[in-house]
Amino acid sequence: MTQAFEEANAALRQAVGSRIAAVAAGKPAEKWYDPQDENSPTIMEIIDRNVQALDDPRFDDDVRLVGDSLLGESVHPTSQAFFDLCDQLKEMHRRKSRDYGCPTGGDPLANIRNGAKFVGIAAWRGAMVRLSDKVTRLAAYNATGRLENESLEDNLFDLASYSLLALLLHREERHA
């Protein structure tokens, strides 16, 4: 990411954090930003910085402003944390797709499809087998309190991912 983007995003995060703190403290809207404070940009300045960062030719079109859904007034912090995890899940899928040989937009699920074809089952069932492996590993963690090769978070992310991949593949099969 560009430095301009990083700076604009940092300013946006600071402004949103200030707003959240002000709302929590019961301050009226007109007191959220202190125009006398040089470190407190107006919301229009923040938007302008983000627009400039987005116009930067070095900016990757696939990257969104981190935490941009914080701008929604009705987003509960727990929901925002969930949305952020979904964003991390999307990025994990993008990275793992490249690892499995899909850097140019080929089939990102070729590994699951090929494994399922090898044993003669539907692709969505192949995803379920991998999901079952994660559940078994998590059951072992529940019994022993430790995992040797992957973290608890890695396993939970994989479990969420395989659930969605199984759903996607099942829908593909139903609509084929």
N, C-alpha and C. Protein backbone atom coordinates (compact mmCIF):
# COMPACT_ATOMS: atom_id res chain seq x y z
N MET A 1 0.83 -1.18 0.00
CA MET A 1 0.00 0.00 0.00
C MET A 1 0.87 1.24 0.00
N THR A 2 0.33 2.31 -0.49
CA THR A 2 1.10 3.54 -0.57
C THR A 2 1.13 4.23 0.78
N GLN A 3 2.13 5.10 0.93
CA GLN A 3 2.24 5.85 2.18
C GLN A 3 1.02 6.77 2.35
N ALA A 4 0.56 7.36 1.23
CA ALA A 4 -0.61 8.24 1.31
C ALA A 4 -1.82 7.48 1.84
N PHE A 5 -1.99 6.26 1.34
CA PHE A 5 -3.10 5.44 1.80
C PHE A 5 -2.96 5.14 3.28
N GLU A 6 -1.75 4.75 3.69
CA GLU A 6 -1.51 4.42 5.11
C GLU A 6 -1.84 5.61 5.99
N GLU A 7 -1.39 6.80 5.58
CA GLU A 7 -1.64 8.01 6.38
C GLU A 7 -3.13 8.33 6.42
N ALA A 8 -3.79 8.23 5.27
CA ALA A 8 -5.23 8.53 5.23
C ALA A 8 -6.01 7.54 6.07
N ASN A 9 -5.64 6.27 5.99
CA ASN A 9 -6.33 5.25 6.76
C ASN A 9 -6.09 5.47 8.27
N ALA A 10 -4.87 5.85 8.64
CA ALA A 10 -4.57 6.11 10.04
C ALA A 10 -5.40 7.29 10.55
N ALA A 11 -5.53 8.32 9.72
CA ALA A 11 -6.34 9.49 10.11
C ALA A 11 -7.81 9.10 10.26
N LEU A 12 -8.29 8.26 9.36
CA LEU A 12 -9.68 7.80 9.44
C LEU A 12 -9.90 6.99 10.71
N ARG A 13 -8.98 6.09 11.00
CA ARG A 13 -9.10 5.28 12.22
C ARG A 13 -9.10 6.19 13.46
N GLN A 14 -8.23 7.20 13.47
CA GLN A 14 -8.17 8.11 14.60
C GLN A 14 -9.48 8.87 14.76
N ALA A 15 -10.04 9.34 13.64
CA ALA A 15 -11.29 10.09 13.69
C ALA A 15 -12.44 9.21 14.18
N VAL A 16 -12.49 7.99 13.67
CA VAL A 16 -13.55 7.07 14.09
C VAL A 16 -13.39 6.73 15.57
N GLY A 17 -12.15 6.49 15.98
CA GLY A 17 -11.89 6.21 17.40
C GLY A 17 -12.32 7.37 18.29
N SER A 18 -12.03 8.60 17.84
CA SER A 18 -12.44 9.79 18.60
C SER A 18 -13.95 9.88 18.68
N ARG A 19 -14.61 9.56 17.56
CA ARG A 19 -16.07 9.62 17.54
C ARG A 19 -16.65 8.58 18.49
N ILE A 20 -16.14 7.36 18.44
CA ILE A 20 -16.63 6.30 19.32
C ILE A 20 -16.45 6.71 20.78
N ALA A 21 -15.28 7.25 21.11
CA ALA A 21 -15.01 7.68 22.48
C ALA A 21 -15.94 8.82 22.88
N ALA A 22 -16.17 9.75 21.96
CA ALA A 22 -17.05 10.89 22.26
C ALA A 22 -18.48 10.43 22.49
N VAL A 23 -18.96 9.52 21.65
CA VAL A 23 -20.32 9.00 21.81
C VAL A 23 -20.44 8.26 23.14
N ALA A 24 -19.42 7.44 23.46
CA ALA A 24 -19.44 6.70 24.72
C ALA A 24 -19.44 7.64 25.92
N ALA A 25 -18.78 8.80 25.76
CA ALA A 25 -18.73 9.78 26.85
C ALA A 25 -19.97 10.67 26.88
N GLY A 26 -20.88 10.48 25.92
CA GLY A 26 -22.12 11.25 25.89
C GLY A 26 -21.97 12.65 25.32
N LYS A 27 -20.88 12.93 24.61
CA LYS A 27 -20.68 14.27 24.03
C LYS A 27 -21.61 14.45 22.84
N PRO A 28 -22.16 15.66 22.68
CA PRO A 28 -23.01 15.92 21.51
C PRO A 28 -22.16 15.93 20.24
N ALA A 29 -22.81 15.70 19.10
CA ALA A 29 -22.12 15.55 17.82
C ALA A 29 -21.18 16.71 17.51
N GLU A 30 -21.58 17.93 17.85
CA GLU A 30 -20.73 19.08 17.50
C GLU A 30 -19.42 19.13 18.30
N LYS A 31 -19.28 18.28 19.31
CA LYS A 31 -18.06 18.25 20.12
C LYS A 31 -17.18 17.05 19.81
N TRP A 32 -17.50 16.29 18.77
CA TRP A 32 -16.70 15.11 18.44
C TRP A 32 -15.31 15.48 17.97
N TYR A 33 -15.21 16.56 17.22
CA TYR A 33 -13.92 16.98 16.69
C TYR A 33 -13.62 18.38 17.17
N ASP A 34 -12.40 18.59 17.58
CA ASP A 34 -11.99 19.90 18.07
C ASP A 34 -11.27 20.61 16.93
N PRO A 35 -11.90 21.62 16.31
CA PRO A 35 -11.27 22.29 15.19
C PRO A 35 -9.99 23.03 15.57
N GLN A 36 -9.80 23.31 16.87
CA GLN A 36 -8.59 23.97 17.32
C GLN A 36 -7.42 22.98 17.45
N ASP A 37 -7.73 21.71 17.51
CA ASP A 37 -6.70 20.68 17.66
C ASP A 37 -6.16 20.32 16.28
N GLU A 38 -4.89 20.63 16.04
CA GLU A 38 -4.31 20.37 14.71
C GLU A 38 -4.22 18.88 14.41
N ASN A 39 -4.28 18.03 15.42
CA ASN A 39 -4.25 16.58 15.22
C ASN A 39 -5.63 15.99 15.00
N SER A 40 -6.65 16.84 14.97
CA SER A 40 -8.01 16.37 14.81
C SER A 40 -8.56 16.85 13.46
N PRO A 41 -8.32 16.08 12.39
CA PRO A 41 -8.80 16.52 11.06
C PRO A 41 -10.32 16.45 10.98
N THR A 42 -10.88 17.27 10.12
CA THR A 42 -12.32 17.20 9.89
C THR A 42 -12.61 15.95 9.08
N ILE A 43 -13.85 15.53 9.11
CA ILE A 43 -14.22 14.33 8.37
C ILE A 43 -14.00 14.54 6.87
N MET A 44 -14.21 15.76 6.37
CA MET A 44 -13.98 16.04 4.95
C MET A 44 -12.49 15.93 4.60
N GLU A 45 -11.62 16.36 5.50
CA GLU A 45 -10.18 16.20 5.25
C GLU A 45 -9.81 14.71 5.18
N ILE A 46 -10.40 13.94 6.05
CA ILE A 46 -10.13 12.50 6.05
C ILE A 46 -10.63 11.87 4.75
N ILE A 47 -11.83 12.24 4.32
CA ILE A 47 -12.38 11.70 3.08
C ILE A 47 -11.50 12.12 1.90
N ASP A 48 -11.08 13.39 1.87
CA ASP A 48 -10.21 13.86 0.80
C ASP A 48 -8.91 13.07 0.75
N ARG A 49 -8.31 12.80 1.91
CA ARG A 49 -7.07 12.03 1.95
C ARG A 49 -7.29 10.62 1.40
N ASN A 50 -8.41 10.02 1.76
CA ASN A 50 -8.68 8.66 1.27
C ASN A 50 -8.94 8.66 -0.23
N VAL A 51 -9.62 9.67 -0.74
CA VAL A 51 -9.86 9.77 -2.18
C VAL A 51 -8.54 9.94 -2.90
N GLN A 52 -7.66 10.78 -2.37
CA GLN A 52 -6.34 10.95 -2.98
C GLN A 52 -5.56 9.64 -2.97
N ALA A 53 -5.63 8.91 -1.88
CA ALA A 53 -4.92 7.62 -1.80
C ALA A 53 -5.48 6.64 -2.81
N LEU A 54 -6.80 6.66 -2.99
CA LEU A 54 -7.42 5.74 -3.95
C LEU A 54 -7.05 6.09 -5.38
N ASP A 55 -6.78 7.38 -5.64
CA ASP A 55 -6.39 7.81 -6.98
C ASP A 55 -4.94 7.52 -7.29
N ASP A 56 -4.16 7.16 -6.29
CA ASP A 56 -2.75 6.87 -6.49
C ASP A 56 -2.62 5.66 -7.42
N PRO A 57 -1.88 5.77 -8.54
CA PRO A 57 -1.79 4.65 -9.50
C PRO A 57 -1.16 3.41 -8.91
N ARG A 58 -0.43 3.55 -7.81
CA ARG A 58 0.19 2.38 -7.19
C ARG A 58 -0.77 1.64 -6.27
N PHE A 59 -1.97 2.19 -6.07
CA PHE A 59 -2.93 1.61 -5.15
C PHE A 59 -3.53 0.35 -5.73
N ASP A 60 -3.60 -0.72 -4.94
CA ASP A 60 -4.16 -2.01 -5.37
C ASP A 60 -5.68 -1.93 -5.29
N ASP A 61 -6.36 -2.10 -6.42
CA ASP A 61 -7.82 -2.00 -6.46
C ASP A 61 -8.54 -3.04 -5.62
N ASP A 62 -7.87 -4.15 -5.29
CA ASP A 62 -8.51 -5.20 -4.51
C ASP A 62 -8.52 -4.90 -3.02
N VAL A 63 -7.83 -3.86 -2.59
CA VAL A 63 -7.72 -3.56 -1.16
C VAL A 63 -8.73 -2.48 -0.82
N ARG A 64 -9.49 -2.70 0.22
CA ARG A 64 -10.43 -1.67 0.66
C ARG A 64 -9.85 -0.96 1.87
N LEU A 65 -10.47 0.11 2.27
CA LEU A 65 -10.02 0.81 3.46
C LEU A 65 -10.28 -0.07 4.67
N VAL A 66 -9.25 -0.36 5.42
CA VAL A 66 -9.40 -1.25 6.57
C VAL A 66 -10.31 -0.58 7.59
N GLY A 67 -11.31 -1.32 8.04
CA GLY A 67 -12.22 -0.79 9.05
C GLY A 67 -13.22 0.20 8.49
N ASP A 68 -13.41 0.25 7.16
CA ASP A 68 -14.30 1.27 6.61
C ASP A 68 -15.74 1.10 7.05
N SER A 69 -16.13 -0.10 7.47
CA SER A 69 -17.51 -0.26 7.91
C SER A 69 -17.74 0.34 9.29
N LEU A 70 -16.66 0.80 9.94
CA LEU A 70 -16.83 1.51 11.20
C LEU A 70 -17.62 2.80 11.01
N LEU A 71 -17.69 3.28 9.76
CA LEU A 71 -18.43 4.50 9.49
C LEU A 71 -19.92 4.31 9.63
N GLY A 72 -20.40 3.08 9.57
CA GLY A 72 -21.82 2.81 9.76
C GLY A 72 -22.21 3.12 11.20
N GLU A 73 -23.22 3.94 11.37
CA GLU A 73 -23.57 4.39 12.71
C GLU A 73 -24.15 3.28 13.57
N SER A 74 -24.76 2.28 12.97
CA SER A 74 -25.43 1.26 13.76
C SER A 74 -24.61 -0.02 13.92
N VAL A 75 -23.32 0.02 13.60
CA VAL A 75 -22.50 -1.18 13.71
C VAL A 75 -21.99 -1.33 15.14
N HIS A 76 -22.41 -2.39 15.78
CA HIS A 76 -21.96 -2.69 17.13
C HIS A 76 -20.50 -3.15 17.07
N PRO A 77 -19.68 -2.82 18.07
CA PRO A 77 -18.27 -3.23 18.05
C PRO A 77 -18.07 -4.74 17.87
N THR A 78 -18.96 -5.54 18.43
CA THR A 78 -18.84 -6.99 18.26
C THR A 78 -19.11 -7.37 16.81
N SER A 79 -20.11 -6.73 16.19
CA SER A 79 -20.38 -6.98 14.77
C SER A 79 -19.20 -6.52 13.93
N GLN A 80 -18.61 -5.39 14.28
CA GLN A 80 -17.44 -4.91 13.54
C GLN A 80 -16.30 -5.91 13.65
N ALA A 81 -16.10 -6.48 14.83
CA ALA A 81 -15.05 -7.49 15.00
C ALA A 81 -15.34 -8.71 14.12
N PHE A 82 -16.61 -9.09 14.03
CA PHE A 82 -17.01 -10.20 13.15
C PHE A 82 -16.72 -9.86 11.69
N PHE A 83 -17.08 -8.65 11.28
CA PHE A 83 -16.83 -8.23 9.89
C PHE A 83 -15.34 -8.25 9.59
N ASP A 84 -14.53 -7.81 10.56
CA ASP A 84 -13.08 -7.82 10.38
C ASP A 84 -12.56 -9.25 10.23
N LEU A 85 -13.12 -10.19 11.00
CA LEU A 85 -12.73 -11.60 10.85
C LEU A 85 -13.12 -12.12 9.46
N CYS A 86 -14.27 -11.71 8.96
CA CYS A 86 -14.68 -12.12 7.61
C CYS A 86 -13.69 -11.58 6.58
N ASP A 87 -13.22 -10.35 6.77
CA ASP A 87 -12.21 -9.80 5.87
C ASP A 87 -10.92 -10.61 5.95
N GLN A 88 -10.53 -11.02 7.15
CA GLN A 88 -9.33 -11.85 7.30
C GLN A 88 -9.53 -13.20 6.61
N LEU A 89 -10.74 -13.74 6.70
CA LEU A 89 -11.06 -15.01 6.05
C LEU A 89 -10.93 -14.87 4.53
N LYS A 90 -11.42 -13.75 3.98
CA LYS A 90 -11.29 -13.51 2.55
C LYS A 90 -9.82 -13.44 2.14
N GLU A 91 -9.02 -12.75 2.93
CA GLU A 91 -7.60 -12.63 2.61
C GLU A 91 -6.90 -13.99 2.72
N MET A 92 -7.27 -14.78 3.71
CA MET A 92 -6.70 -16.12 3.85
C MET A 92 -7.03 -16.96 2.60
N HIS A 93 -8.28 -16.87 2.14
CA HIS A 93 -8.68 -17.62 0.94
C HIS A 93 -7.86 -17.17 -0.27
N ARG A 94 -7.66 -15.87 -0.39
CA ARG A 94 -6.88 -15.34 -1.51
C ARG A 94 -5.44 -15.88 -1.47
N ARG A 95 -4.82 -15.85 -0.30
CA ARG A 95 -3.43 -16.34 -0.15
C ARG A 95 -3.35 -17.85 -0.40
N LYS A 96 -4.26 -18.60 0.21
CA LYS A 96 -4.20 -20.05 0.06
C LYS A 96 -4.51 -20.47 -1.37
N SER A 97 -5.36 -19.73 -2.06
CA SER A 97 -5.64 -20.05 -3.46
C SER A 97 -4.36 -19.96 -4.27
N ARG A 98 -3.54 -18.96 -3.99
CA ARG A 98 -2.26 -18.83 -4.68
C ARG A 98 -1.35 -20.00 -4.33
N ASP A 99 -1.34 -20.40 -3.07
CA ASP A 99 -0.51 -21.53 -2.64
C ASP A 99 -0.90 -22.83 -3.34
N TYR A 100 -2.19 -22.96 -3.64
CA TYR A 100 -2.66 -24.19 -4.28
C TYR A 100 -2.62 -24.09 -5.80
N GLY A 101 -1.88 -23.12 -6.32
CA GLY A 101 -1.66 -23.05 -7.76
C GLY A 101 -2.66 -22.23 -8.53
N CYS A 102 -3.25 -21.24 -7.90
CA CYS A 102 -4.24 -20.44 -8.59
C CYS A 102 -3.85 -18.96 -8.60
N PRO A 103 -2.65 -18.62 -9.04
CA PRO A 103 -2.24 -17.22 -9.00
C PRO A 103 -2.87 -16.36 -10.10
N THR A 104 -3.37 -16.97 -11.16
CA THR A 104 -3.85 -16.19 -12.30
C THR A 104 -5.35 -16.30 -12.53
N GLY A 105 -6.09 -16.77 -11.55
CA GLY A 105 -7.53 -16.81 -11.70
C GLY A 105 -8.09 -18.13 -12.19
N GLY A 106 -7.28 -19.18 -12.18
CA GLY A 106 -7.80 -20.51 -12.51
C GLY A 106 -8.77 -20.93 -11.42
N ASP A 107 -9.02 -22.17 -11.28
CA ASP A 107 -9.96 -22.66 -10.28
C ASP A 107 -9.32 -22.66 -8.89
N PRO A 108 -9.74 -21.78 -7.99
CA PRO A 108 -9.15 -21.74 -6.66
C PRO A 108 -9.51 -22.97 -5.80
N LEU A 109 -10.46 -23.76 -6.26
CA LEU A 109 -10.87 -24.95 -5.52
C LEU A 109 -10.44 -26.24 -6.22
N ALA A 110 -9.48 -26.12 -7.13
CA ALA A 110 -9.03 -27.29 -7.88
C ALA A 110 -8.51 -28.39 -6.94
N ASN A 111 -7.84 -28.01 -5.86
CA ASN A 111 -7.30 -29.02 -4.95
C ASN A 111 -8.43 -29.83 -4.31
N ILE A 112 -9.50 -29.18 -3.94
CA ILE A 112 -10.63 -29.89 -3.32
C ILE A 112 -11.35 -30.74 -4.38
N ARG A 113 -11.56 -30.16 -5.55
CA ARG A 113 -12.23 -30.91 -6.62
C ARG A 113 -11.42 -32.15 -7.02
N ASN A 114 -10.10 -31.97 -7.17
CA ASN A 114 -9.25 -33.10 -7.58
C ASN A 114 -9.20 -34.19 -6.52
N GLY A 115 -9.11 -33.80 -5.25
CA GLY A 115 -9.10 -34.79 -4.17
C GLY A 115 -10.40 -35.57 -4.11
N ALA A 116 -11.51 -34.88 -4.28
CA ALA A 116 -12.82 -35.54 -4.27
C ALA A 116 -12.96 -36.48 -5.47
N LYS A 117 -12.52 -36.03 -6.62
CA LYS A 117 -12.59 -36.86 -7.82
C LYS A 117 -11.73 -38.11 -7.64
N PHE A 118 -10.58 -37.96 -7.02
CA PHE A 118 -9.66 -39.08 -6.80
C PHE A 118 -10.32 -40.21 -6.00
N VAL A 119 -11.14 -39.83 -5.00
CA VAL A 119 -11.79 -40.86 -4.17
C VAL A 119 -13.24 -41.12 -4.58
N GLY A 120 -13.70 -40.43 -5.63
CA GLY A 120 -15.03 -40.70 -6.18
C GLY A 120 -16.19 -40.12 -5.40
N ILE A 121 -16.01 -38.95 -4.84
CA ILE A 121 -17.12 -38.30 -4.13
C ILE A 121 -17.35 -36.91 -4.71
N ALA A 122 -18.49 -36.32 -4.39
CA ALA A 122 -18.80 -34.96 -4.84
C ALA A 122 -17.81 -33.98 -4.19
N ALA A 123 -17.50 -32.91 -4.90
CA ALA A 123 -16.53 -31.94 -4.40
C ALA A 123 -16.95 -31.35 -3.05
N TRP A 124 -18.25 -31.09 -2.88
CA TRP A 124 -18.68 -30.52 -1.60
C TRP A 124 -18.45 -31.51 -0.46
N ARG A 125 -18.56 -32.79 -0.75
CA ARG A 125 -18.28 -33.80 0.27
C ARG A 125 -16.78 -33.84 0.57
N GLY A 126 -15.95 -33.58 -0.44
CA GLY A 126 -14.51 -33.49 -0.22
C GLY A 126 -14.18 -32.36 0.74
N ALA A 127 -14.87 -31.23 0.58
CA ALA A 127 -14.68 -30.11 1.52
C ALA A 127 -15.13 -30.51 2.92
N MET A 128 -16.20 -31.31 3.00
CA MET A 128 -16.68 -31.77 4.30
C MET A 128 -15.67 -32.70 4.98
N VAL A 129 -14.95 -33.51 4.19
CA VAL A 129 -13.91 -34.37 4.77
C VAL A 129 -12.84 -33.50 5.41
N ARG A 130 -12.42 -32.46 4.71
CA ARG A 130 -11.40 -31.56 5.26
C ARG A 130 -11.94 -30.82 6.49
N LEU A 131 -13.21 -30.45 6.44
CA LEU A 131 -13.85 -29.82 7.60
C LEU A 131 -13.83 -30.79 8.79
N SER A 132 -14.12 -32.04 8.53
CA SER A 132 -14.11 -33.06 9.58
C SER A 132 -12.72 -33.20 10.20
N ASP A 133 -11.67 -33.09 9.36
CA ASP A 133 -10.31 -33.14 9.90
C ASP A 133 -10.08 -32.02 10.91
N LYS A 134 -10.60 -30.84 10.60
CA LYS A 134 -10.43 -29.70 11.51
C LYS A 134 -11.21 -29.92 12.81
N VAL A 135 -12.42 -30.46 12.70
CA VAL A 135 -13.22 -30.75 13.89
C VAL A 135 -12.51 -31.78 14.77
N THR A 136 -11.93 -32.79 14.14
CA THR A 136 -11.18 -33.81 14.89
C THR A 136 -9.99 -33.19 15.61
N ARG A 137 -9.29 -32.31 14.91
CA ARG A 137 -8.14 -31.63 15.53
C ARG A 137 -8.60 -30.76 16.70
N LEU A 138 -9.73 -30.07 16.55
CA LEU A 138 -10.24 -29.23 17.63
C LEU A 138 -10.72 -30.08 18.81
N ALA A 139 -11.27 -31.26 18.52
CA ALA A 139 -11.66 -32.17 19.60
C ALA A 139 -10.42 -32.61 20.38
N ALA A 140 -9.34 -32.87 19.68
CA ALA A 140 -8.09 -33.24 20.36
C ALA A 140 -7.60 -32.08 21.21
N TYR A 141 -7.72 -30.86 20.70
CA TYR A 141 -7.33 -29.68 21.49
C TYR A 141 -8.18 -29.58 22.76
N ASN A 142 -9.49 -29.81 22.61
CA ASN A 142 -10.37 -29.76 23.78
C ASN A 142 -9.97 -30.78 24.83
N ALA A 143 -9.49 -31.94 24.39
CA ALA A 143 -9.10 -33.00 25.32
C ALA A 143 -7.73 -32.76 25.95
N THR A 144 -6.80 -32.19 25.16
CA THR A 144 -5.42 -32.07 25.65
C THR A 144 -5.00 -30.65 26.01
N GLY A 145 -5.70 -29.66 25.44
CA GLY A 145 -5.33 -28.28 25.69
C GLY A 145 -4.15 -27.80 24.86
N ARG A 146 -3.75 -28.58 23.87
CA ARG A 146 -2.62 -28.14 23.03
C ARG A 146 -2.77 -28.65 21.60
N LEU A 147 -2.12 -27.93 20.71
CA LEU A 147 -2.01 -28.32 19.31
C LEU A 147 -0.54 -28.21 18.94
N GLU A 148 -0.04 -29.16 18.20
CA GLU A 148 1.39 -29.20 17.89
C GLU A 148 1.77 -28.40 16.64
N ASN A 149 0.95 -28.44 15.59
CA ASN A 149 1.39 -27.91 14.30
C ASN A 149 0.63 -26.68 13.80
N GLU A 150 -0.52 -26.43 14.32
CA GLU A 150 -1.31 -25.26 13.92
C GLU A 150 -1.95 -24.66 15.16
N SER A 151 -2.14 -23.36 15.14
CA SER A 151 -2.76 -22.70 16.28
C SER A 151 -4.27 -22.95 16.30
N LEU A 152 -4.86 -22.70 17.44
CA LEU A 152 -6.32 -22.80 17.57
C LEU A 152 -6.99 -21.87 16.57
N GLU A 153 -6.49 -20.64 16.47
CA GLU A 153 -7.08 -19.67 15.54
C GLU A 153 -6.98 -20.16 14.10
N ASP A 154 -5.84 -20.72 13.71
CA ASP A 154 -5.70 -21.25 12.34
C ASP A 154 -6.75 -22.32 12.07
N ASN A 155 -6.96 -23.20 13.03
CA ASN A 155 -7.95 -24.27 12.86
C ASN A 155 -9.36 -23.72 12.78
N LEU A 156 -9.67 -22.74 13.59
CA LEU A 156 -11.02 -22.16 13.56
C LEU A 156 -11.25 -21.42 12.24
N PHE A 157 -10.24 -20.70 11.76
CA PHE A 157 -10.36 -20.05 10.45
C PHE A 157 -10.56 -21.09 9.36
N ASP A 158 -9.78 -22.16 9.40
CA ASP A 158 -9.93 -23.22 8.40
C ASP A 158 -11.32 -23.84 8.47
N LEU A 159 -11.82 -24.05 9.66
CA LEU A 159 -13.15 -24.62 9.83
C LEU A 159 -14.21 -23.72 9.19
N ALA A 160 -14.11 -22.42 9.45
CA ALA A 160 -15.05 -21.47 8.85
C ALA A 160 -14.92 -21.49 7.33
N SER A 161 -13.69 -21.53 6.85
CA SER A 161 -13.45 -21.53 5.41
C SER A 161 -14.02 -22.79 4.75
N TYR A 162 -13.73 -23.95 5.32
CA TYR A 162 -14.24 -25.19 4.72
C TYR A 162 -15.76 -25.24 4.76
N SER A 163 -16.37 -24.67 5.78
CA SER A 163 -17.84 -24.62 5.82
C SER A 163 -18.37 -23.83 4.64
N LEU A 164 -17.78 -22.68 4.37
CA LEU A 164 -18.24 -21.86 3.25
C LEU A 164 -17.91 -22.51 1.91
N LEU A 165 -16.75 -23.15 1.81
CA LEU A 165 -16.39 -23.82 0.56
C LEU A 165 -17.34 -24.99 0.29
N ALA A 166 -17.69 -25.74 1.34
CA ALA A 166 -18.64 -26.85 1.17
C ALA A 166 -19.99 -26.32 0.69
N LEU A 167 -20.44 -25.21 1.27
CA LEU A 167 -21.69 -24.60 0.85
C LEU A 167 -21.62 -24.16 -0.61
N LEU A 168 -20.55 -23.50 -0.97
CA LEU A 168 -20.36 -23.04 -2.34
C LEU A 168 -20.37 -24.21 -3.33
N LEU A 169 -19.62 -25.26 -3.00
CA LEU A 169 -19.55 -26.43 -3.90
C LEU A 169 -20.88 -27.17 -3.96
N HIS A 170 -21.59 -27.23 -2.84
CA HIS A 170 -22.91 -27.88 -2.83
C HIS A 170 -23.87 -27.11 -3.73
N ARG A 171 -23.86 -25.78 -3.64
CA ARG A 171 -24.72 -24.96 -4.50
C ARG A 171 -24.36 -25.16 -5.97
N GLU A 172 -23.05 -25.21 -6.25
CA GLU A 172 -22.62 -25.46 -7.64
C GLU A 172 -23.20 -26.76 -8.16
N GLU A 173 -23.11 -27.80 -7.35
CA GLU A 173 -23.60 -29.13 -7.77
C GLU A 173 -25.10 -29.11 -7.98
N ARG A 174 -25.84 -28.46 -7.08
CA ARG A 174 -27.31 -28.40 -7.20
C ARG A 174 -27.74 -27.64 -8.44
N HIS A 175 -26.98 -26.63 -8.83
CA HIS A 175 -27.39 -25.78 -9.95
C HIS A 175 -26.68 -26.15 -11.25
N ALA A 176 -25.96 -27.26 -11.22
CA ALA A 176 -25.24 -27.68 -12.45
C ALA A 176 -26.17 -28.35 -13.44
